[in-house]
Amino acid sequence: AVVAPNYRLHPTDEFPAYAEDAANAVAWVFRNIKKYGGSKKKIFVAGYSAGAYLTSLIGMDKRWLGAHKIKTHKIAGLIPVSGHTYTHWTVRKEMGISDKSIPEEPCSALLEASAPICHVWRGAPPILLMTGDRNMDLSYRWQENANFMQRLKDTGHRDVALTEFKGKGHGILNTSAGPMLEFV
């Protein structure tokens, strides 16, 4: 089964509304999947671009699902496709930061709460990171994901992989289904 929720958007709403909506959606699936013939043990969370950022954020920062009394490690796997692993550009803009480069201090007091890379932990769900070609995807996207993977490995997390789609830009969603299905 596939559940495809949506979330509130900028400029009508601001962070943390997006993350709250993502966590609410995942919590709903945990509470209701059995009614639809699914299993709580087979819940994978995936997202593309900004949705990938939210996938990583709620999969790494335990407080989002913890607010729903759900243990984040119960997610079967995370599949963020071409997502930010530092604070999303839109969230930075809301904070008055216009720089779109990788932050020198991604876990500063200002950015920590909104940066998935600041919340990596050894027992996090398995994760398949996917990006377009490092020279064609959005600025720094591949590098952010490579840094995220390394930080996960540094914590002792063993089930993390990064797939780079050579020759593809940010619009890689139509080519990413094969690795996703293999991961699941």
N, C-alpha and C. Protein backbone atom coordinates (compact mmCIF):
# COMPACT_ATOMS: atom_id res chain seq x y z
N ALA A 1 0.84 -1.18 0.00
CA ALA A 1 0.00 0.00 0.00
C ALA A 1 0.88 1.24 0.00
N VAL A 2 0.39 2.29 -0.59
CA VAL A 2 1.08 3.57 -0.61
C VAL A 2 0.15 4.62 -0.01
N VAL A 3 0.68 5.41 0.89
CA VAL A 3 -0.04 6.54 1.46
C VAL A 3 0.70 7.78 1.00
N ALA A 4 0.01 8.71 0.37
CA ALA A 4 0.65 9.90 -0.19
C ALA A 4 0.06 11.16 0.42
N PRO A 5 0.53 11.55 1.59
CA PRO A 5 -0.01 12.76 2.24
C PRO A 5 0.60 14.03 1.66
N ASN A 6 0.06 15.14 2.05
CA ASN A 6 0.61 16.43 1.69
C ASN A 6 0.89 17.19 2.97
N TYR A 7 1.43 18.39 2.87
CA TYR A 7 1.74 19.18 4.05
C TYR A 7 1.57 20.66 3.71
N ARG A 8 1.42 21.45 4.77
CA ARG A 8 1.27 22.89 4.58
C ARG A 8 2.53 23.46 3.93
N LEU A 9 2.35 24.55 3.20
CA LEU A 9 3.45 25.13 2.42
C LEU A 9 3.71 26.59 2.78
N HIS A 10 4.92 27.00 2.51
CA HIS A 10 5.33 28.39 2.59
C HIS A 10 4.77 29.10 1.36
N PRO A 11 4.30 30.30 1.36
CA PRO A 11 4.41 31.28 2.44
C PRO A 11 3.21 31.31 3.38
N THR A 12 2.19 30.50 3.12
CA THR A 12 1.03 30.51 4.00
C THR A 12 1.41 30.07 5.41
N ASP A 13 2.30 29.09 5.51
CA ASP A 13 2.75 28.58 6.80
C ASP A 13 4.26 28.56 6.84
N GLU A 14 4.80 28.40 8.04
CA GLU A 14 6.25 28.35 8.23
C GLU A 14 6.63 27.16 9.09
N PHE A 15 7.92 26.85 9.08
CA PHE A 15 8.46 25.80 9.94
C PHE A 15 8.13 26.15 11.39
N PRO A 16 7.65 25.23 12.19
CA PRO A 16 7.69 23.78 12.07
C PRO A 16 6.43 23.13 11.50
N ALA A 17 5.52 23.92 10.91
CA ALA A 17 4.26 23.37 10.41
C ALA A 17 4.49 22.21 9.45
N TYR A 18 5.49 22.33 8.57
CA TYR A 18 5.76 21.27 7.58
C TYR A 18 6.13 19.96 8.27
N ALA A 19 7.02 20.05 9.24
CA ALA A 19 7.47 18.85 9.95
C ALA A 19 6.34 18.25 10.79
N GLU A 20 5.53 19.11 11.38
CA GLU A 20 4.38 18.62 12.15
C GLU A 20 3.45 17.83 11.25
N ASP A 21 3.18 18.34 10.05
CA ASP A 21 2.30 17.64 9.12
C ASP A 21 2.88 16.30 8.69
N ALA A 22 4.18 16.28 8.42
CA ALA A 22 4.83 15.02 8.03
C ALA A 22 4.75 14.00 9.16
N ALA A 23 5.03 14.44 10.38
CA ALA A 23 4.95 13.54 11.53
C ALA A 23 3.52 13.07 11.76
N ASN A 24 2.55 13.97 11.61
CA ASN A 24 1.14 13.59 11.76
C ASN A 24 0.77 12.51 10.74
N ALA A 25 1.24 12.66 9.52
CA ALA A 25 0.93 11.69 8.46
C ALA A 25 1.53 10.32 8.78
N VAL A 26 2.78 10.29 9.18
CA VAL A 26 3.42 9.02 9.52
C VAL A 26 2.75 8.39 10.73
N ALA A 27 2.40 9.20 11.72
CA ALA A 27 1.70 8.68 12.90
C ALA A 27 0.35 8.09 12.51
N TRP A 28 -0.35 8.77 11.59
CA TRP A 28 -1.64 8.25 11.12
C TRP A 28 -1.45 6.87 10.50
N VAL A 29 -0.42 6.72 9.69
CA VAL A 29 -0.17 5.43 9.04
C VAL A 29 0.09 4.36 10.11
N PHE A 30 0.91 4.66 11.09
CA PHE A 30 1.17 3.68 12.15
C PHE A 30 -0.11 3.28 12.87
N ARG A 31 -0.99 4.25 13.11
CA ARG A 31 -2.23 3.94 13.83
C ARG A 31 -3.28 3.25 12.96
N ASN A 32 -3.22 3.41 11.65
CA ASN A 32 -4.31 2.95 10.79
C ASN A 32 -3.95 1.90 9.75
N ILE A 33 -2.69 1.61 9.54
CA ILE A 33 -2.29 0.73 8.44
C ILE A 33 -2.93 -0.66 8.52
N LYS A 34 -3.12 -1.15 9.72
CA LYS A 34 -3.70 -2.49 9.88
C LYS A 34 -5.12 -2.56 9.31
N LYS A 35 -5.88 -1.47 9.45
CA LYS A 35 -7.25 -1.42 8.91
C LYS A 35 -7.27 -1.61 7.40
N TYR A 36 -6.16 -1.30 6.76
CA TYR A 36 -6.08 -1.37 5.30
C TYR A 36 -5.26 -2.57 4.82
N GLY A 37 -5.03 -3.52 5.73
CA GLY A 37 -4.33 -4.74 5.37
C GLY A 37 -2.82 -4.63 5.39
N GLY A 38 -2.30 -3.54 5.91
CA GLY A 38 -0.85 -3.34 5.97
C GLY A 38 -0.28 -3.74 7.31
N SER A 39 1.03 -3.65 7.41
CA SER A 39 1.75 -4.02 8.62
C SER A 39 2.59 -2.85 9.12
N LYS A 40 2.56 -2.60 10.42
CA LYS A 40 3.40 -1.56 11.02
C LYS A 40 4.88 -1.85 10.81
N LYS A 41 5.21 -3.09 10.59
CA LYS A 41 6.61 -3.48 10.41
C LYS A 41 7.12 -3.18 9.00
N LYS A 42 6.23 -2.77 8.10
CA LYS A 42 6.63 -2.53 6.71
C LYS A 42 6.36 -1.08 6.27
N ILE A 43 6.46 -0.15 7.20
CA ILE A 43 6.23 1.25 6.87
C ILE A 43 7.54 1.91 6.47
N PHE A 44 7.63 2.28 5.21
CA PHE A 44 8.77 3.02 4.67
C PHE A 44 8.30 4.45 4.46
N VAL A 45 9.15 5.40 4.74
CA VAL A 45 8.81 6.81 4.53
C VAL A 45 9.72 7.35 3.43
N ALA A 46 9.11 7.89 2.39
CA ALA A 46 9.86 8.43 1.26
C ALA A 46 9.36 9.83 0.95
N GLY A 47 10.21 10.60 0.34
CA GLY A 47 9.84 11.94 -0.08
C GLY A 47 10.80 12.42 -1.14
N TYR A 48 10.37 13.40 -1.89
CA TYR A 48 11.17 13.95 -2.98
C TYR A 48 11.38 15.45 -2.75
N SER A 49 12.61 15.91 -2.86
CA SER A 49 12.99 17.30 -2.72
C SER A 49 12.62 17.80 -1.31
N ALA A 50 11.69 18.74 -1.19
CA ALA A 50 11.31 19.21 0.15
C ALA A 50 10.70 18.08 0.97
N GLY A 51 9.98 17.18 0.32
CA GLY A 51 9.44 16.01 1.01
C GLY A 51 10.54 15.08 1.50
N ALA A 52 11.65 15.04 0.77
CA ALA A 52 12.80 14.25 1.20
C ALA A 52 13.44 14.86 2.44
N TYR A 53 13.50 16.18 2.47
CA TYR A 53 14.00 16.88 3.67
C TYR A 53 13.15 16.50 4.88
N LEU A 54 11.83 16.52 4.71
CA LEU A 54 10.94 16.16 5.82
C LEU A 54 11.09 14.69 6.20
N THR A 55 11.28 13.82 5.21
CA THR A 55 11.53 12.40 5.48
C THR A 55 12.75 12.25 6.38
N SER A 56 13.84 12.92 6.03
CA SER A 56 15.06 12.83 6.83
C SER A 56 14.88 13.44 8.21
N LEU A 57 14.18 14.57 8.26
CA LEU A 57 14.01 15.26 9.55
C LEU A 57 13.21 14.41 10.53
N ILE A 58 12.06 13.89 10.10
CA ILE A 58 11.26 13.11 11.06
C ILE A 58 11.85 11.73 11.30
N GLY A 59 12.69 11.27 10.38
CA GLY A 59 13.35 9.98 10.58
C GLY A 59 14.57 10.06 11.47
N MET A 60 15.14 11.24 11.63
CA MET A 60 16.33 11.40 12.46
C MET A 60 16.02 12.04 13.81
N ASP A 61 15.18 13.05 13.82
CA ASP A 61 14.87 13.78 15.06
C ASP A 61 13.68 13.10 15.74
N LYS A 62 13.97 12.39 16.80
CA LYS A 62 12.96 11.55 17.47
C LYS A 62 11.79 12.33 18.05
N ARG A 63 11.94 13.61 18.25
CA ARG A 63 10.85 14.37 18.89
C ARG A 63 9.59 14.44 18.03
N TRP A 64 9.75 14.40 16.69
CA TRP A 64 8.58 14.56 15.82
C TRP A 64 7.61 13.40 15.98
N LEU A 65 8.09 12.18 15.89
CA LEU A 65 7.20 11.03 16.08
C LEU A 65 6.99 10.74 17.56
N GLY A 66 7.96 11.12 18.38
CA GLY A 66 7.81 10.97 19.83
C GLY A 66 6.60 11.72 20.35
N ALA A 67 6.26 12.83 19.72
CA ALA A 67 5.06 13.59 20.12
C ALA A 67 3.79 12.76 19.93
N HIS A 68 3.89 11.72 19.11
CA HIS A 68 2.75 10.81 18.85
C HIS A 68 2.95 9.46 19.55
N LYS A 69 3.95 9.39 20.41
CA LYS A 69 4.28 8.16 21.14
C LYS A 69 4.68 7.02 20.20
N ILE A 70 5.37 7.39 19.12
CA ILE A 70 5.86 6.40 18.14
C ILE A 70 7.37 6.44 18.17
N LYS A 71 7.98 5.28 18.25
CA LYS A 71 9.43 5.16 18.24
C LYS A 71 9.92 5.24 16.80
N THR A 72 10.78 6.19 16.53
CA THR A 72 11.27 6.42 15.16
C THR A 72 11.93 5.18 14.57
N HIS A 73 12.61 4.40 15.39
CA HIS A 73 13.31 3.21 14.86
C HIS A 73 12.33 2.15 14.35
N LYS A 74 11.04 2.32 14.59
CA LYS A 74 10.03 1.38 14.08
C LYS A 74 9.76 1.58 12.59
N ILE A 75 10.22 2.69 12.02
CA ILE A 75 10.09 2.89 10.57
C ILE A 75 10.98 1.86 9.89
N ALA A 76 10.44 1.16 8.90
CA ALA A 76 11.21 0.10 8.21
C ALA A 76 12.35 0.67 7.39
N GLY A 77 12.20 1.88 6.87
CA GLY A 77 13.26 2.49 6.08
C GLY A 77 12.87 3.88 5.64
N LEU A 78 13.89 4.69 5.38
CA LEU A 78 13.71 6.05 4.89
C LEU A 78 14.28 6.14 3.47
N ILE A 79 13.55 6.81 2.59
CA ILE A 79 14.01 6.96 1.21
C ILE A 79 13.85 8.43 0.79
N PRO A 80 14.79 9.28 1.20
CA PRO A 80 14.74 10.67 0.75
C PRO A 80 15.41 10.81 -0.62
N VAL A 81 14.68 11.37 -1.58
CA VAL A 81 15.17 11.53 -2.94
C VAL A 81 15.48 13.01 -3.19
N SER A 82 16.75 13.32 -3.36
CA SER A 82 17.22 14.67 -3.66
C SER A 82 16.75 15.69 -2.63
N GLY A 83 16.97 15.36 -1.37
CA GLY A 83 16.52 16.24 -0.29
C GLY A 83 17.66 16.94 0.43
N HIS A 84 17.32 18.02 1.08
CA HIS A 84 18.27 18.69 1.97
C HIS A 84 18.52 17.81 3.19
N THR A 85 19.73 17.80 3.66
CA THR A 85 20.03 17.12 4.92
C THR A 85 20.45 18.13 5.98
N TYR A 86 20.69 19.36 5.52
CA TYR A 86 20.88 20.49 6.42
C TYR A 86 19.53 21.21 6.47
N THR A 87 19.47 22.37 7.06
CA THR A 87 18.21 23.10 7.11
C THR A 87 17.78 23.50 5.69
N HIS A 88 16.52 23.22 5.36
CA HIS A 88 15.98 23.51 4.02
C HIS A 88 16.10 25.00 3.72
N TRP A 89 16.34 25.33 2.45
CA TRP A 89 16.48 26.73 2.03
C TRP A 89 15.30 27.58 2.47
N THR A 90 14.10 27.06 2.32
CA THR A 90 12.91 27.83 2.69
C THR A 90 12.90 28.13 4.18
N VAL A 91 13.27 27.17 4.99
CA VAL A 91 13.30 27.37 6.44
C VAL A 91 14.39 28.39 6.79
N ARG A 92 15.53 28.30 6.12
CA ARG A 92 16.60 29.30 6.34
C ARG A 92 16.10 30.69 5.99
N LYS A 93 15.38 30.79 4.87
CA LYS A 93 14.84 32.09 4.45
C LYS A 93 13.89 32.63 5.53
N GLU A 94 13.06 31.75 6.09
CA GLU A 94 12.15 32.16 7.17
C GLU A 94 12.92 32.68 8.38
N MET A 95 14.15 32.19 8.56
CA MET A 95 15.00 32.61 9.68
C MET A 95 15.82 33.86 9.34
N GLY A 96 15.66 34.36 8.11
CA GLY A 96 16.41 35.53 7.69
C GLY A 96 17.78 35.22 7.11
N ILE A 97 18.01 33.95 6.74
CA ILE A 97 19.29 33.53 6.16
C ILE A 97 19.09 33.33 4.67
N SER A 98 19.79 34.12 3.85
CA SER A 98 19.60 34.01 2.40
C SER A 98 20.64 33.13 1.73
N ASP A 99 21.71 32.78 2.42
CA ASP A 99 22.78 31.97 1.86
C ASP A 99 22.29 30.55 1.61
N LYS A 100 22.46 30.05 0.37
CA LYS A 100 22.01 28.70 0.02
C LYS A 100 23.14 27.68 0.04
N SER A 101 24.33 28.07 0.47
CA SER A 101 25.44 27.12 0.51
C SER A 101 25.33 26.25 1.76
N ILE A 102 26.18 25.23 1.84
CA ILE A 102 26.19 24.38 3.02
C ILE A 102 26.66 25.24 4.20
N PRO A 103 25.89 25.28 5.28
CA PRO A 103 26.26 26.13 6.42
C PRO A 103 27.58 25.67 7.06
N GLU A 104 28.39 26.65 7.46
CA GLU A 104 29.65 26.31 8.14
C GLU A 104 29.37 25.62 9.47
N GLU A 105 28.32 26.06 10.15
CA GLU A 105 27.93 25.47 11.43
C GLU A 105 26.48 24.98 11.31
N PRO A 106 26.27 23.82 10.70
CA PRO A 106 24.90 23.36 10.46
C PRO A 106 24.12 23.06 11.73
N CYS A 107 24.83 22.84 12.83
CA CYS A 107 24.16 22.50 14.08
C CYS A 107 24.25 23.63 15.09
N SER A 108 24.32 24.87 14.57
CA SER A 108 24.32 26.04 15.45
C SER A 108 22.97 26.09 16.17
N ALA A 109 22.90 26.89 17.22
CA ALA A 109 21.66 27.00 17.99
C ALA A 109 20.48 27.39 17.10
N LEU A 110 20.74 28.22 16.09
CA LEU A 110 19.68 28.67 15.20
C LEU A 110 19.19 27.56 14.27
N LEU A 111 20.10 26.75 13.75
CA LEU A 111 19.75 25.77 12.72
C LEU A 111 19.50 24.35 13.23
N GLU A 112 19.98 24.01 14.39
CA GLU A 112 19.97 22.62 14.87
C GLU A 112 18.59 21.96 14.83
N ALA A 113 17.57 22.65 15.28
CA ALA A 113 16.24 22.05 15.37
C ALA A 113 15.66 21.68 14.01
N SER A 114 16.16 22.32 12.96
CA SER A 114 15.59 22.10 11.63
C SER A 114 16.54 21.38 10.67
N ALA A 115 17.62 20.81 11.19
CA ALA A 115 18.62 20.16 10.34
C ALA A 115 18.70 18.67 10.63
N PRO A 116 18.26 17.82 9.70
CA PRO A 116 18.34 16.37 9.92
C PRO A 116 19.74 15.89 10.29
N ILE A 117 20.77 16.48 9.69
CA ILE A 117 22.14 16.02 9.93
C ILE A 117 22.55 16.18 11.39
N CYS A 118 21.88 17.04 12.13
CA CYS A 118 22.21 17.27 13.54
C CYS A 118 21.59 16.22 14.46
N HIS A 119 20.79 15.33 13.92
CA HIS A 119 20.05 14.38 14.75
C HIS A 119 20.34 12.92 14.39
N VAL A 120 21.41 12.68 13.64
CA VAL A 120 21.72 11.30 13.26
C VAL A 120 22.02 10.47 14.49
N TRP A 121 21.68 9.21 14.43
CA TRP A 121 21.91 8.31 15.56
C TRP A 121 22.07 6.89 15.06
N ARG A 122 22.80 6.14 15.81
CA ARG A 122 23.16 4.78 15.42
C ARG A 122 21.95 3.89 15.11
N GLY A 123 20.90 4.00 15.89
CA GLY A 123 19.74 3.13 15.73
C GLY A 123 18.66 3.67 14.81
N ALA A 124 18.99 4.69 14.03
CA ALA A 124 18.01 5.26 13.09
C ALA A 124 17.58 4.19 12.08
N PRO A 125 16.42 4.38 11.46
CA PRO A 125 15.97 3.42 10.45
C PRO A 125 16.97 3.29 9.30
N PRO A 126 16.95 2.17 8.60
CA PRO A 126 17.77 2.05 7.38
C PRO A 126 17.42 3.21 6.44
N ILE A 127 18.41 3.67 5.69
CA ILE A 127 18.16 4.83 4.85
C ILE A 127 18.85 4.69 3.49
N LEU A 128 18.07 4.94 2.45
CA LEU A 128 18.58 4.98 1.08
C LEU A 128 18.48 6.42 0.62
N LEU A 129 19.63 7.08 0.50
CA LEU A 129 19.70 8.45 0.01
C LEU A 129 19.87 8.41 -1.50
N MET A 130 19.17 9.27 -2.21
CA MET A 130 19.31 9.32 -3.67
C MET A 130 19.40 10.78 -4.11
N THR A 131 20.32 11.03 -5.04
CA THR A 131 20.44 12.37 -5.62
C THR A 131 20.71 12.24 -7.11
N GLY A 132 20.55 13.36 -7.78
CA GLY A 132 20.99 13.42 -9.16
C GLY A 132 22.51 13.51 -9.19
N ASP A 133 23.03 13.65 -10.37
CA ASP A 133 24.47 13.79 -10.58
C ASP A 133 25.00 14.96 -9.74
N ARG A 134 26.12 14.75 -9.08
CA ARG A 134 26.68 15.80 -8.21
C ARG A 134 26.95 17.10 -8.94
N ASN A 135 27.10 17.05 -10.26
CA ASN A 135 27.34 18.26 -11.04
C ASN A 135 26.08 18.81 -11.70
N MET A 136 24.95 18.12 -11.51
CA MET A 136 23.72 18.54 -12.19
C MET A 136 22.55 18.78 -11.25
N ASP A 137 22.53 18.13 -10.09
CA ASP A 137 21.43 18.32 -9.14
C ASP A 137 21.53 19.72 -8.55
N LEU A 138 20.55 20.12 -7.78
CA LEU A 138 20.55 21.45 -7.17
C LEU A 138 21.82 21.66 -6.34
N SER A 139 22.19 22.91 -6.18
CA SER A 139 23.43 23.27 -5.48
C SER A 139 23.67 22.44 -4.23
N TYR A 140 24.80 21.82 -4.18
CA TYR A 140 25.29 21.11 -3.01
C TYR A 140 24.45 19.89 -2.60
N ARG A 141 23.45 19.52 -3.35
CA ARG A 141 22.55 18.45 -2.91
C ARG A 141 23.29 17.13 -2.72
N TRP A 142 24.11 16.75 -3.69
CA TRP A 142 24.86 15.50 -3.53
C TRP A 142 25.79 15.60 -2.33
N GLN A 143 26.50 16.72 -2.19
CA GLN A 143 27.46 16.87 -1.09
C GLN A 143 26.76 16.80 0.26
N GLU A 144 25.60 17.44 0.39
CA GLU A 144 24.83 17.36 1.63
C GLU A 144 24.53 15.91 1.98
N ASN A 145 24.08 15.16 1.00
CA ASN A 145 23.72 13.76 1.24
C ASN A 145 24.94 12.91 1.54
N ALA A 146 26.06 13.18 0.88
CA ALA A 146 27.30 12.45 1.17
C ALA A 146 27.76 12.75 2.60
N ASN A 147 27.66 14.01 3.03
CA ASN A 147 28.02 14.37 4.40
C ASN A 147 27.10 13.69 5.41
N PHE A 148 25.82 13.63 5.07
CA PHE A 148 24.81 12.99 5.92
C PHE A 148 25.14 11.51 6.09
N MET A 149 25.44 10.85 4.97
CA MET A 149 25.79 9.43 5.02
C MET A 149 27.03 9.22 5.89
N GLN A 150 28.03 10.06 5.73
CA GLN A 150 29.25 9.91 6.52
C GLN A 150 28.98 10.13 8.00
N ARG A 151 28.16 11.11 8.32
CA ARG A 151 27.85 11.35 9.73
C ARG A 151 27.10 10.16 10.32
N LEU A 152 26.19 9.58 9.56
CA LEU A 152 25.49 8.37 10.02
C LEU A 152 26.49 7.24 10.27
N LYS A 153 27.38 7.03 9.32
CA LYS A 153 28.39 5.97 9.48
C LYS A 153 29.28 6.24 10.69
N ASP A 154 29.60 7.50 10.94
CA ASP A 154 30.44 7.86 12.09
C ASP A 154 29.76 7.53 13.41
N THR A 155 28.42 7.50 13.43
CA THR A 155 27.71 7.14 14.67
C THR A 155 27.63 5.62 14.85
N GLY A 156 28.02 4.88 13.83
CA GLY A 156 27.91 3.42 13.88
C GLY A 156 26.71 2.89 13.13
N HIS A 157 25.95 3.78 12.48
CA HIS A 157 24.80 3.33 11.67
C HIS A 157 25.34 2.54 10.48
N ARG A 158 24.84 1.35 10.28
CA ARG A 158 25.39 0.48 9.25
C ARG A 158 24.53 0.35 7.99
N ASP A 159 23.29 0.74 8.07
CA ASP A 159 22.39 0.50 6.94
C ASP A 159 22.04 1.82 6.24
N VAL A 160 23.05 2.39 5.59
CA VAL A 160 22.86 3.64 4.85
C VAL A 160 23.59 3.53 3.52
N ALA A 161 22.95 4.01 2.47
CA ALA A 161 23.56 3.99 1.14
C ALA A 161 23.17 5.28 0.41
N LEU A 162 24.03 5.70 -0.49
CA LEU A 162 23.78 6.87 -1.31
C LEU A 162 23.87 6.46 -2.78
N THR A 163 22.78 6.68 -3.51
CA THR A 163 22.75 6.40 -4.94
C THR A 163 22.77 7.73 -5.68
N GLU A 164 23.73 7.88 -6.58
CA GLU A 164 23.85 9.08 -7.40
C GLU A 164 23.46 8.71 -8.83
N PHE A 165 22.49 9.40 -9.39
CA PHE A 165 22.05 9.14 -10.76
C PHE A 165 22.87 9.99 -11.72
N LYS A 166 23.91 9.39 -12.27
CA LYS A 166 24.81 10.08 -13.20
C LYS A 166 24.03 10.59 -14.41
N GLY A 167 24.34 11.80 -14.82
CA GLY A 167 23.70 12.38 -15.99
C GLY A 167 22.30 12.89 -15.75
N LYS A 168 21.85 12.88 -14.50
CA LYS A 168 20.49 13.34 -14.17
C LYS A 168 20.56 14.54 -13.23
N GLY A 169 19.63 15.45 -13.40
CA GLY A 169 19.53 16.61 -12.53
C GLY A 169 18.55 16.37 -11.39
N HIS A 170 17.97 17.44 -10.90
CA HIS A 170 17.06 17.34 -9.76
C HIS A 170 15.79 16.55 -10.11
N GLY A 171 15.40 16.51 -11.36
CA GLY A 171 14.18 15.81 -11.76
C GLY A 171 14.41 14.33 -11.97
N ILE A 172 14.93 13.64 -10.95
CA ILE A 172 15.29 12.22 -11.09
C ILE A 172 14.21 11.26 -10.63
N LEU A 173 13.09 11.78 -10.16
CA LEU A 173 12.09 10.90 -9.57
C LEU A 173 11.68 9.77 -10.50
N ASN A 174 11.55 10.05 -11.78
CA ASN A 174 11.10 9.00 -12.71
C ASN A 174 12.14 7.91 -12.92
N THR A 175 13.39 8.11 -12.50
CA THR A 175 14.41 7.07 -12.66
C THR A 175 14.78 6.40 -11.34
N SER A 176 14.17 6.84 -10.24
CA SER A 176 14.58 6.34 -8.93
C SER A 176 13.76 5.16 -8.43
N ALA A 177 12.74 4.75 -9.15
CA ALA A 177 11.86 3.67 -8.68
C ALA A 177 12.59 2.34 -8.52
N GLY A 178 13.48 2.01 -9.44
CA GLY A 178 14.20 0.73 -9.34
C GLY A 178 14.95 0.57 -8.03
N PRO A 179 15.85 1.51 -7.69
CA PRO A 179 16.55 1.40 -6.40
C PRO A 179 15.61 1.44 -5.20
N MET A 180 14.52 2.21 -5.30
CA MET A 180 13.55 2.25 -4.20
C MET A 180 12.94 0.87 -3.97
N LEU A 181 12.49 0.24 -5.04
CA LEU A 181 11.85 -1.06 -4.91
C LEU A 181 12.83 -2.12 -4.41
N GLU A 182 14.06 -2.03 -4.85
CA GLU A 182 15.08 -2.97 -4.38
C GLU A 182 15.34 -2.78 -2.88
N PHE A 183 15.34 -1.54 -2.41
CA PHE A 183 15.56 -1.22 -1.00
C PHE A 183 14.42 -1.75 -0.13
N VAL A 184 13.19 -1.59 -0.63
CA VAL A 184 12.01 -2.03 0.12
C VAL A 184 11.95 -3.54 0.11
